[in-house]
Amino acid sequence: MMLVRLNTRHELPQLGMRQTQGRLDEAGIIQPRIRGTGNRQAQANKTVTQPSLSLNNYPSRRAYGHRTMNDLTAEQGQRGIFNAQSATSEHTQEGWSEATNAARRGNYVVQNARSEMFSDYQARIVFSIDAIPDPQMQGRPNQVIGDPDLGKISVDIETAPSARIRYTPGSVETYLQNEGFIRHWVSYDSYDIYA
C-alpha cells in the first residue's frame, strides 16, 4: 500500500526600500555684532594695614628701680619736702624739749645724746616685698580698608533673527519586492524535497 505524502513549499514576501538622505546645502550663521558703549574696569581699591603691638614695660622697670628723669626728680622733690618737714618738726620738738627739760635736775643732755647714739644700733633692717607689675601689651590686628569699585560695562549686541539655511529633505520609498507564495502537492511513499 502506498502512503500519500503532503508536500508544502513557501516563500515569505519581501519588502524593498529606497531612501535618499537629507542634505544641508548651505548653513550660515550670521554672527552677532557687539558694540561696547562703556567699559570701566572693576578695581579692588582695598589695602591691608599692618598689625601693631605696643609694649609698655615701664611699670616693671620702675619696680626694679629704673626710673625716668621726670619720675626720679618728682620722687626726690617729694622726699626733700618730706625730709625738710620732718627735720623741722624734729628740731622744733628737740628745742621745746631742751627748753623745758634742760633746767631740771639730772643730766638730760647726756642722756638724750646717749639714747640717740644707741638708737642706731637698735635699728632693724626692714625689707619690703612688692609685686612687680606685668608689662602692658596692646595689639592691633591688621584690617582690610577701602571700598571696591564694581566698574561698569555696557554692551549692545545686534543679532539676526534667523540663520541662512538651505535644506533638501530626504525621502523613504517602500515597495513589494517579492510577493511570496505557498504551494502544496501530493507525493507517494516519500516526501518530494526537490520540488
N, C-alpha and C. Protein backbone atom coordinates (compact mmCIF):
# COMPACT_ATOMS: atom_id res chain seq x y z
N MET A 1 0.85 -1.16 0.00
CA MET A 1 0.00 0.00 0.00
C MET A 1 0.90 1.23 0.00
N MET A 2 0.59 2.17 -0.78
CA MET A 2 1.38 3.41 -0.95
C MET A 2 0.84 4.49 -0.02
N LEU A 3 1.76 5.13 0.65
CA LEU A 3 1.36 6.23 1.55
C LEU A 3 1.38 7.54 0.79
N VAL A 4 0.41 8.33 1.09
CA VAL A 4 0.31 9.64 0.43
C VAL A 4 0.94 10.68 1.35
N ARG A 5 1.81 11.44 0.72
CA ARG A 5 2.52 12.49 1.49
C ARG A 5 2.13 13.86 0.95
N LEU A 6 1.88 14.80 1.91
CA LEU A 6 1.54 16.18 1.53
C LEU A 6 2.81 17.01 1.61
N ASN A 7 3.20 17.56 0.48
CA ASN A 7 4.38 18.42 0.42
C ASN A 7 3.95 19.88 0.39
N THR A 8 4.76 20.75 1.08
CA THR A 8 4.46 22.19 1.12
C THR A 8 5.77 22.95 0.89
N ARG A 9 5.66 23.92 0.05
CA ARG A 9 6.80 24.82 -0.17
C ARG A 9 6.27 26.24 -0.10
N HIS A 10 7.03 27.14 0.60
CA HIS A 10 6.57 28.54 0.70
C HIS A 10 7.77 29.47 0.67
N GLU A 11 7.48 30.68 0.38
CA GLU A 11 8.49 31.75 0.39
C GLU A 11 7.82 32.98 0.96
N LEU A 12 8.48 33.65 1.89
CA LEU A 12 7.89 34.82 2.55
C LEU A 12 7.95 36.04 1.63
N PRO A 13 7.01 36.93 1.79
CA PRO A 13 7.09 38.16 0.99
C PRO A 13 8.27 39.01 1.45
N GLN A 14 8.83 39.80 0.51
CA GLN A 14 9.97 40.66 0.81
C GLN A 14 9.62 42.08 0.43
N LEU A 15 10.00 43.01 1.36
CA LEU A 15 9.79 44.43 1.10
C LEU A 15 11.10 45.03 0.64
N GLY A 16 11.03 45.94 -0.29
CA GLY A 16 12.19 46.70 -0.72
C GLY A 16 12.07 48.15 -0.25
N MET A 17 13.21 48.82 -0.09
CA MET A 17 13.19 50.19 0.43
C MET A 17 14.23 51.01 -0.33
N ARG A 18 13.82 52.18 -0.83
CA ARG A 18 14.73 53.13 -1.45
C ARG A 18 14.70 54.40 -0.60
N GLN A 19 15.87 54.90 -0.27
CA GLN A 19 15.90 56.12 0.56
C GLN A 19 16.97 57.06 0.05
N THR A 20 16.72 58.31 0.25
CA THR A 20 17.72 59.36 -0.03
C THR A 20 17.92 60.14 1.26
N GLN A 21 19.16 60.47 1.55
CA GLN A 21 19.48 61.21 2.78
C GLN A 21 19.10 62.67 2.62
N GLY A 22 18.72 63.25 3.73
CA GLY A 22 18.51 64.69 3.72
C GLY A 22 19.84 65.40 3.55
N ARG A 23 19.82 66.57 2.94
CA ARG A 23 21.06 67.24 2.61
C ARG A 23 20.96 68.70 3.01
N LEU A 24 22.00 69.16 3.70
CA LEU A 24 22.10 70.56 4.08
C LEU A 24 23.02 71.22 3.08
N ASP A 25 22.43 71.97 2.18
CA ASP A 25 23.22 72.57 1.11
C ASP A 25 23.96 73.80 1.58
N GLU A 26 23.37 74.56 2.44
CA GLU A 26 24.03 75.78 2.90
C GLU A 26 23.59 76.04 4.34
N ALA A 27 24.55 76.31 5.15
CA ALA A 27 24.23 76.66 6.53
C ALA A 27 25.15 77.80 6.92
N GLY A 28 24.61 78.91 7.13
CA GLY A 28 25.41 80.07 7.51
C GLY A 28 24.79 80.78 8.68
N ILE A 29 25.54 80.83 9.79
CA ILE A 29 25.05 81.54 10.97
C ILE A 29 25.55 82.96 10.89
N ILE A 30 24.67 83.87 10.98
CA ILE A 30 25.04 85.28 10.97
C ILE A 30 25.53 85.64 12.36
N GLN A 31 26.80 85.94 12.45
CA GLN A 31 27.41 86.21 13.75
C GLN A 31 26.87 87.51 14.33
N PRO A 32 26.63 87.52 15.63
CA PRO A 32 26.18 88.77 16.25
C PRO A 32 27.32 89.79 16.27
N ARG A 33 26.94 91.04 16.25
CA ARG A 33 27.92 92.13 16.32
C ARG A 33 27.78 92.81 17.68
N ILE A 34 28.94 93.06 18.27
CA ILE A 34 28.97 93.65 19.61
C ILE A 34 29.47 95.07 19.48
N ARG A 35 28.74 95.96 20.06
CA ARG A 35 29.18 97.34 20.15
C ARG A 35 29.24 97.70 21.63
N GLY A 36 30.44 97.91 22.13
CA GLY A 36 30.59 98.30 23.53
C GLY A 36 30.40 99.80 23.68
N THR A 37 29.53 100.19 24.56
CA THR A 37 29.26 101.62 24.75
C THR A 37 29.97 102.18 25.96
N GLY A 38 30.43 101.35 26.85
CA GLY A 38 31.15 101.86 28.02
C GLY A 38 31.85 100.73 28.73
N ASN A 39 33.08 100.97 29.16
CA ASN A 39 33.84 99.92 29.82
C ASN A 39 34.71 100.55 30.90
N ARG A 40 34.29 100.42 32.14
CA ARG A 40 35.10 100.86 33.27
C ARG A 40 35.42 99.62 34.09
N GLN A 41 36.69 99.27 34.12
CA GLN A 41 37.10 98.04 34.78
C GLN A 41 36.89 98.14 36.29
N ALA A 42 36.57 97.00 36.87
CA ALA A 42 36.40 96.95 38.33
C ALA A 42 37.77 97.04 38.99
N GLN A 43 37.79 97.69 40.14
CA GLN A 43 39.02 97.83 40.90
C GLN A 43 38.74 97.49 42.36
N ALA A 44 39.71 96.83 42.96
CA ALA A 44 39.51 96.41 44.35
C ALA A 44 39.54 97.61 45.29
N ASN A 45 40.46 98.52 45.10
CA ASN A 45 40.62 99.69 45.98
C ASN A 45 40.71 99.26 47.45
N LYS A 46 41.34 98.14 47.68
CA LYS A 46 41.48 97.63 49.04
C LYS A 46 42.95 97.59 49.40
N THR A 47 43.22 97.79 50.67
CA THR A 47 44.58 97.66 51.18
C THR A 47 44.51 97.09 52.58
N VAL A 48 45.61 96.58 53.02
CA VAL A 48 45.68 95.94 54.33
C VAL A 48 46.62 96.75 55.21
N THR A 49 46.16 97.13 56.39
CA THR A 49 47.01 97.84 57.33
C THR A 49 47.92 96.85 58.03
N GLN A 50 49.03 97.35 58.50
CA GLN A 50 49.99 96.49 59.20
C GLN A 50 49.53 96.27 60.65
N PRO A 51 49.70 95.08 61.16
CA PRO A 51 49.39 94.89 62.58
C PRO A 51 50.43 95.61 63.44
N SER A 52 50.02 95.99 64.62
CA SER A 52 50.94 96.70 65.51
C SER A 52 50.82 96.14 66.92
N LEU A 53 51.90 96.28 67.66
CA LEU A 53 51.97 95.82 69.04
C LEU A 53 52.67 96.90 69.85
N SER A 54 51.96 97.44 70.82
CA SER A 54 52.57 98.44 71.70
C SER A 54 52.88 97.77 73.04
N LEU A 55 54.09 97.98 73.52
CA LEU A 55 54.56 97.33 74.74
C LEU A 55 55.03 98.41 75.70
N ASN A 56 54.44 98.44 76.89
CA ASN A 56 54.83 99.40 77.92
C ASN A 56 55.35 98.60 79.11
N ASN A 57 56.67 98.53 79.23
CA ASN A 57 57.25 97.78 80.35
C ASN A 57 57.82 98.72 81.41
N TYR A 58 57.46 99.99 81.35
CA TYR A 58 57.98 100.93 82.32
C TYR A 58 57.54 100.61 83.74
N PRO A 59 56.26 100.20 84.01
CA PRO A 59 55.91 99.85 85.40
C PRO A 59 56.79 98.73 85.96
N SER A 60 57.16 97.75 85.14
CA SER A 60 58.04 96.68 85.61
C SER A 60 59.44 97.20 85.89
N ARG A 61 59.96 98.01 84.98
CA ARG A 61 61.31 98.54 85.17
C ARG A 61 61.35 99.49 86.37
N ARG A 62 60.27 100.22 86.58
CA ARG A 62 60.24 101.15 87.71
C ARG A 62 60.26 100.40 89.02
N ALA A 63 59.60 99.19 89.06
CA ALA A 63 59.61 98.39 90.28
C ALA A 63 61.03 97.93 90.61
N TYR A 64 61.88 97.75 89.60
CA TYR A 64 63.27 97.37 89.82
C TYR A 64 64.17 98.58 90.10
N GLY A 65 63.63 99.78 90.01
CA GLY A 65 64.42 100.97 90.33
C GLY A 65 64.85 101.77 89.11
N HIS A 66 64.51 101.35 87.93
CA HIS A 66 64.85 102.11 86.73
C HIS A 66 63.74 103.12 86.47
N ARG A 67 64.05 104.38 86.68
CA ARG A 67 63.03 105.42 86.55
C ARG A 67 63.44 106.41 85.47
N THR A 68 62.46 107.09 84.97
CA THR A 68 62.78 108.18 84.05
C THR A 68 63.21 109.39 84.86
N MET A 69 63.81 110.34 84.20
CA MET A 69 64.29 111.53 84.91
C MET A 69 63.14 112.30 85.53
N ASN A 70 61.99 112.35 84.85
CA ASN A 70 60.85 113.08 85.42
C ASN A 70 60.37 112.43 86.71
N ASP A 71 60.23 111.07 86.69
CA ASP A 71 59.78 110.40 87.92
C ASP A 71 60.81 110.52 89.03
N LEU A 72 62.11 110.41 88.66
CA LEU A 72 63.16 110.50 89.68
C LEU A 72 63.18 111.87 90.33
N THR A 73 63.09 112.92 89.53
CA THR A 73 63.09 114.27 90.12
C THR A 73 61.83 114.52 90.93
N ALA A 74 60.68 113.99 90.48
CA ALA A 74 59.44 114.16 91.26
C ALA A 74 59.55 113.44 92.60
N GLU A 75 60.08 112.18 92.59
CA GLU A 75 60.24 111.45 93.84
C GLU A 75 61.23 112.14 94.78
N GLN A 76 62.36 112.58 94.23
CA GLN A 76 63.35 113.24 95.07
C GLN A 76 62.81 114.57 95.61
N GLY A 77 62.01 115.26 94.80
CA GLY A 77 61.39 116.51 95.28
C GLY A 77 60.45 116.25 96.44
N GLN A 78 59.60 115.20 96.30
CA GLN A 78 58.69 114.85 97.39
C GLN A 78 59.46 114.40 98.63
N ARG A 79 60.54 113.65 98.39
CA ARG A 79 61.36 113.19 99.50
C ARG A 79 62.04 114.35 100.20
N GLY A 80 62.51 115.32 99.41
CA GLY A 80 63.14 116.50 100.01
C GLY A 80 62.16 117.31 100.85
N ILE A 81 60.95 117.49 100.32
CA ILE A 81 59.93 118.23 101.09
C ILE A 81 59.59 117.48 102.37
N PHE A 82 59.44 116.13 102.26
CA PHE A 82 59.13 115.35 103.46
C PHE A 82 60.26 115.42 104.47
N ASN A 83 61.52 115.30 104.00
CA ASN A 83 62.66 115.38 104.91
C ASN A 83 62.76 116.75 105.57
N ALA A 84 62.51 117.80 104.79
CA ALA A 84 62.57 119.15 105.36
C ALA A 84 61.49 119.33 106.42
N GLN A 85 60.28 118.84 106.12
CA GLN A 85 59.20 118.97 107.09
C GLN A 85 59.47 118.15 108.35
N SER A 86 59.96 116.90 108.16
CA SER A 86 60.21 116.06 109.35
C SER A 86 61.39 116.61 110.15
N ALA A 87 62.44 117.14 109.47
CA ALA A 87 63.58 117.72 110.20
C ALA A 87 63.14 118.96 110.96
N THR A 88 62.33 119.79 110.32
CA THR A 88 61.84 120.99 111.02
C THR A 88 61.02 120.59 112.24
N SER A 89 60.16 119.60 112.09
CA SER A 89 59.33 119.15 113.21
C SER A 89 60.20 118.56 114.32
N GLU A 90 61.20 117.76 113.91
CA GLU A 90 62.07 117.13 114.90
C GLU A 90 62.90 118.18 115.67
N HIS A 91 63.47 119.16 114.93
CA HIS A 91 64.25 120.20 115.61
C HIS A 91 63.37 121.06 116.51
N THR A 92 62.13 121.29 116.08
CA THR A 92 61.22 122.06 116.92
C THR A 92 60.92 121.29 118.20
N GLN A 93 60.67 119.99 118.09
CA GLN A 93 60.39 119.21 119.29
C GLN A 93 61.61 119.14 120.20
N GLU A 94 62.81 119.00 119.60
CA GLU A 94 64.02 118.98 120.41
C GLU A 94 64.23 120.32 121.12
N GLY A 95 63.95 121.38 120.38
CA GLY A 95 64.11 122.71 121.00
C GLY A 95 63.16 122.89 122.18
N TRP A 96 61.93 122.52 122.03
CA TRP A 96 60.98 122.62 123.13
C TRP A 96 61.37 121.69 124.28
N SER A 97 61.83 120.50 123.91
CA SER A 97 62.24 119.57 124.96
C SER A 97 63.44 120.12 125.72
N GLU A 98 64.41 120.70 125.01
CA GLU A 98 65.57 121.30 125.66
C GLU A 98 65.14 122.49 126.53
N ALA A 99 64.23 123.25 125.99
CA ALA A 99 63.80 124.44 126.73
C ALA A 99 63.08 124.05 128.02
N THR A 100 62.31 122.99 127.96
CA THR A 100 61.53 122.63 129.15
C THR A 100 62.27 121.69 130.10
N ASN A 101 63.21 120.85 129.60
CA ASN A 101 63.83 119.83 130.44
C ASN A 101 65.29 120.12 130.80
N ALA A 102 65.96 121.01 130.12
CA ALA A 102 67.40 121.22 130.38
C ALA A 102 67.63 121.84 131.76
N ALA A 103 66.73 122.64 132.24
CA ALA A 103 66.94 123.29 133.54
C ALA A 103 66.58 122.39 134.71
N ARG A 104 66.07 121.27 134.51
CA ARG A 104 65.69 120.36 135.59
C ARG A 104 66.89 119.59 136.10
N ARG A 105 66.67 118.97 137.23
CA ARG A 105 67.74 118.21 137.85
C ARG A 105 68.00 116.95 137.04
N GLY A 106 69.23 116.50 136.97
CA GLY A 106 69.62 115.33 136.21
C GLY A 106 70.37 115.78 134.96
N ASN A 107 70.99 114.84 134.35
CA ASN A 107 71.80 115.16 133.18
C ASN A 107 70.99 114.82 131.92
N TYR A 108 70.09 115.66 131.58
CA TYR A 108 69.17 115.42 130.47
C TYR A 108 69.88 115.42 129.12
N VAL A 109 70.81 116.31 128.93
CA VAL A 109 71.51 116.45 127.64
C VAL A 109 72.33 115.20 127.36
N VAL A 110 73.04 114.68 128.41
CA VAL A 110 73.88 113.49 128.21
C VAL A 110 73.00 112.27 127.93
N GLN A 111 71.91 112.15 128.65
CA GLN A 111 71.02 111.01 128.42
C GLN A 111 70.40 111.06 127.02
N ASN A 112 70.05 112.21 126.58
CA ASN A 112 69.46 112.36 125.24
C ASN A 112 70.47 112.01 124.15
N ALA A 113 71.73 112.45 124.32
CA ALA A 113 72.77 112.13 123.34
C ALA A 113 73.06 110.63 123.33
N ARG A 114 73.08 110.04 124.54
CA ARG A 114 73.34 108.61 124.62
C ARG A 114 72.20 107.80 123.95
N SER A 115 70.94 108.18 124.16
CA SER A 115 69.83 107.45 123.55
C SER A 115 69.85 107.59 122.02
N GLU A 116 70.26 108.75 121.52
CA GLU A 116 70.38 108.91 120.06
C GLU A 116 71.51 108.05 119.51
N MET A 117 72.61 107.95 120.25
CA MET A 117 73.75 107.18 119.79
C MET A 117 73.42 105.69 119.74
N PHE A 118 72.74 105.17 120.76
CA PHE A 118 72.43 103.75 120.77
C PHE A 118 71.18 103.40 119.94
N SER A 119 70.42 104.37 119.50
CA SER A 119 69.24 104.07 118.69
C SER A 119 69.63 103.56 117.30
N ASP A 120 70.82 103.97 116.82
CA ASP A 120 71.29 103.46 115.53
C ASP A 120 71.62 101.97 115.61
N TYR A 121 72.12 101.50 116.80
CA TYR A 121 72.44 100.09 116.94
C TYR A 121 71.18 99.22 117.06
N GLN A 122 70.16 99.83 117.58
CA GLN A 122 68.94 99.07 117.76
C GLN A 122 68.04 99.10 116.51
N ALA A 123 68.43 99.86 115.53
CA ALA A 123 67.61 99.93 114.30
C ALA A 123 67.65 98.59 113.58
N ARG A 124 66.56 98.20 113.08
CA ARG A 124 66.46 96.92 112.39
C ARG A 124 66.25 97.17 110.89
N ILE A 125 66.83 96.27 110.12
CA ILE A 125 66.65 96.39 108.67
C ILE A 125 65.24 95.94 108.33
N VAL A 126 64.60 96.74 107.53
CA VAL A 126 63.22 96.44 107.13
C VAL A 126 63.22 96.10 105.64
N PHE A 127 62.72 94.94 105.35
CA PHE A 127 62.57 94.52 103.95
C PHE A 127 61.11 94.65 103.56
N SER A 128 60.90 95.13 102.37
CA SER A 128 59.52 95.17 101.86
C SER A 128 59.48 94.39 100.56
N ILE A 129 58.46 93.60 100.42
CA ILE A 129 58.29 92.78 99.22
C ILE A 129 57.06 93.30 98.49
N ASP A 130 57.30 93.73 97.28
CA ASP A 130 56.21 94.26 96.46
C ASP A 130 56.09 93.41 95.20
N ALA A 131 54.89 93.28 94.74
CA ALA A 131 54.67 92.55 93.48
C ALA A 131 55.11 93.43 92.31
N ILE A 132 55.79 92.81 91.39
CA ILE A 132 56.25 93.55 90.21
C ILE A 132 55.15 93.47 89.15
N PRO A 133 54.69 94.60 88.69
CA PRO A 133 53.59 94.57 87.71
C PRO A 133 54.06 94.01 86.36
N ASP A 134 53.13 93.39 85.67
CA ASP A 134 53.42 92.84 84.35
C ASP A 134 53.52 93.96 83.32
N PRO A 135 54.27 93.74 82.27
CA PRO A 135 54.28 94.73 81.19
C PRO A 135 52.90 94.85 80.56
N GLN A 136 52.60 96.02 80.09
CA GLN A 136 51.30 96.26 79.46
C GLN A 136 51.48 96.13 77.95
N MET A 137 50.74 95.18 77.38
CA MET A 137 50.81 94.95 75.94
C MET A 137 49.45 95.20 75.32
N GLN A 138 49.47 95.83 74.19
CA GLN A 138 48.24 96.09 73.47
C GLN A 138 48.50 95.86 71.99
N GLY A 139 47.75 94.95 71.40
CA GLY A 139 47.94 94.63 69.99
C GLY A 139 46.78 95.12 69.16
N ARG A 140 47.09 95.45 67.93
CA ARG A 140 46.05 95.86 67.00
C ARG A 140 46.20 95.01 65.74
N PRO A 141 45.18 94.19 65.41
CA PRO A 141 45.32 93.33 64.22
C PRO A 141 45.24 94.16 62.94
N ASN A 142 45.68 93.52 61.87
CA ASN A 142 45.59 94.23 60.60
C ASN A 142 44.14 94.27 60.13
N GLN A 143 43.83 95.24 59.29
CA GLN A 143 42.48 95.43 58.81
C GLN A 143 42.52 95.65 57.31
N VAL A 144 41.45 95.22 56.67
CA VAL A 144 41.29 95.49 55.24
C VAL A 144 40.43 96.74 55.13
N ILE A 145 40.97 97.76 54.50
CA ILE A 145 40.26 99.03 54.38
C ILE A 145 40.11 99.37 52.91
N GLY A 146 39.13 100.19 52.62
CA GLY A 146 38.89 100.64 51.26
C GLY A 146 37.54 100.16 50.76
N ASP A 147 37.04 100.84 49.74
CA ASP A 147 35.76 100.49 49.13
C ASP A 147 36.01 100.03 47.69
N PRO A 148 35.49 98.86 47.32
CA PRO A 148 35.73 98.38 45.96
C PRO A 148 34.89 99.15 44.94
N ASP A 149 35.45 99.30 43.74
CA ASP A 149 34.72 99.88 42.62
C ASP A 149 34.29 98.73 41.73
N LEU A 150 32.98 98.53 41.60
CA LEU A 150 32.46 97.40 40.85
C LEU A 150 32.62 97.58 39.35
N GLY A 151 32.92 98.77 38.89
CA GLY A 151 33.09 99.01 37.46
C GLY A 151 31.75 99.03 36.75
N LYS A 152 31.82 99.32 35.46
CA LYS A 152 30.59 99.35 34.67
C LYS A 152 30.92 98.97 33.25
N ILE A 153 30.24 97.97 32.74
CA ILE A 153 30.41 97.55 31.36
C ILE A 153 29.03 97.49 30.73
N SER A 154 28.85 98.25 29.67
CA SER A 154 27.58 98.20 28.95
C SER A 154 27.87 97.76 27.52
N VAL A 155 27.12 96.77 27.04
CA VAL A 155 27.36 96.15 25.74
C VAL A 155 26.06 96.14 24.96
N ASP A 156 26.14 96.51 23.68
CA ASP A 156 24.99 96.46 22.78
C ASP A 156 25.26 95.37 21.75
N ILE A 157 24.43 94.34 21.70
CA ILE A 157 24.63 93.20 20.81
C ILE A 157 23.53 93.20 19.77
N GLU A 158 23.94 93.18 18.48
CA GLU A 158 22.99 93.10 17.37
C GLU A 158 23.01 91.67 16.84
N THR A 159 21.84 91.05 16.80
CA THR A 159 21.74 89.68 16.30
C THR A 159 20.75 89.63 15.16
N ALA A 160 20.92 88.64 14.27
CA ALA A 160 19.98 88.41 13.17
C ALA A 160 18.84 87.54 13.67
N PRO A 161 17.63 87.69 13.16
CA PRO A 161 16.51 86.89 13.67
C PRO A 161 16.60 85.42 13.28
N SER A 162 17.32 85.07 12.19
CA SER A 162 17.40 83.67 11.79
C SER A 162 18.72 83.44 11.06
N ALA A 163 19.09 82.17 10.93
CA ALA A 163 20.32 81.80 10.22
C ALA A 163 20.00 81.54 8.75
N ARG A 164 21.03 81.56 7.89
CA ARG A 164 20.88 81.23 6.47
C ARG A 164 21.02 79.72 6.34
N ILE A 165 19.91 79.05 6.01
CA ILE A 165 19.92 77.59 5.90
C ILE A 165 19.14 77.19 4.64
N ARG A 166 19.74 76.30 3.81
CA ARG A 166 19.03 75.69 2.68
C ARG A 166 19.13 74.19 2.88
N TYR A 167 17.98 73.53 2.97
CA TYR A 167 17.94 72.12 3.35
C TYR A 167 17.08 71.37 2.34
N THR A 168 17.61 70.26 1.84
CA THR A 168 16.83 69.36 0.97
C THR A 168 16.46 68.16 1.82
N PRO A 169 15.15 67.93 2.04
CA PRO A 169 14.77 66.81 2.90
C PRO A 169 15.00 65.47 2.21
N GLY A 170 15.22 64.45 2.98
CA GLY A 170 15.39 63.10 2.46
C GLY A 170 14.03 62.45 2.23
N SER A 171 14.06 61.25 1.62
CA SER A 171 12.81 60.53 1.36
C SER A 171 13.04 59.05 1.57
N VAL A 172 11.97 58.35 1.86
CA VAL A 172 11.98 56.90 2.03
C VAL A 172 10.81 56.34 1.23
N GLU A 173 11.08 55.36 0.31
CA GLU A 173 10.04 54.74 -0.51
C GLU A 173 10.11 53.23 -0.28
N THR A 174 8.98 52.63 0.05
CA THR A 174 8.93 51.18 0.24
C THR A 174 8.11 50.55 -0.90
N TYR A 175 8.46 49.36 -1.27
CA TYR A 175 7.75 48.62 -2.34
C TYR A 175 7.84 47.14 -2.03
N LEU A 176 6.97 46.37 -2.70
CA LEU A 176 6.93 44.92 -2.51
C LEU A 176 7.87 44.31 -3.54
N GLN A 177 8.98 43.81 -3.06
CA GLN A 177 9.99 43.27 -3.95
C GLN A 177 9.64 41.84 -4.39
N ASN A 178 9.06 41.03 -3.54
CA ASN A 178 8.68 39.66 -3.86
C ASN A 178 7.39 39.37 -3.12
N GLU A 179 6.39 38.88 -3.82
CA GLU A 179 5.08 38.65 -3.19
C GLU A 179 5.07 37.45 -2.28
N GLY A 180 5.94 36.50 -2.49
CA GLY A 180 5.95 35.27 -1.69
C GLY A 180 4.89 34.30 -2.19
N PHE A 181 4.92 33.03 -1.77
CA PHE A 181 3.94 32.03 -2.22
C PHE A 181 3.88 30.89 -1.22
N ILE A 182 2.81 30.09 -1.37
CA ILE A 182 2.64 28.84 -0.64
C ILE A 182 2.11 27.81 -1.66
N ARG A 183 2.81 26.67 -1.84
CA ARG A 183 2.38 25.62 -2.78
C ARG A 183 2.25 24.31 -2.03
N HIS A 184 1.24 23.56 -2.42
CA HIS A 184 1.02 22.24 -1.83
C HIS A 184 0.90 21.21 -2.97
N TRP A 185 1.43 20.03 -2.77
CA TRP A 185 1.24 18.92 -3.72
C TRP A 185 1.39 17.60 -2.98
N VAL A 186 1.05 16.58 -3.64
CA VAL A 186 0.99 15.26 -3.03
C VAL A 186 2.03 14.37 -3.74
N SER A 187 2.74 13.58 -2.94
CA SER A 187 3.66 12.59 -3.49
C SER A 187 3.39 11.27 -2.77
N TYR A 188 3.89 10.16 -3.37
CA TYR A 188 3.61 8.85 -2.80
C TYR A 188 4.90 8.26 -2.21
N ASP A 189 4.79 7.65 -1.11
CA ASP A 189 5.81 6.92 -0.37
C ASP A 189 6.92 7.80 0.21
N SER A 190 7.24 8.93 -0.33
CA SER A 190 8.32 9.78 0.23
C SER A 190 7.97 11.25 -0.03
N TYR A 191 8.61 12.07 0.74
CA TYR A 191 8.41 13.49 0.54
C TYR A 191 9.23 13.97 -0.64
N ASP A 192 8.71 14.89 -1.38
CA ASP A 192 9.40 15.43 -2.56
C ASP A 192 10.16 16.66 -2.09
N ILE A 193 11.42 16.47 -1.77
CA ILE A 193 12.17 17.59 -1.20
C ILE A 193 12.80 18.47 -2.25
N TYR A 194 12.73 18.05 -3.51
CA TYR A 194 13.37 18.85 -4.55
C TYR A 194 12.37 19.65 -5.34
N ALA A 195 11.17 19.55 -5.08
CA ALA A 195 10.18 20.24 -5.88
C ALA A 195 10.16 21.71 -5.61
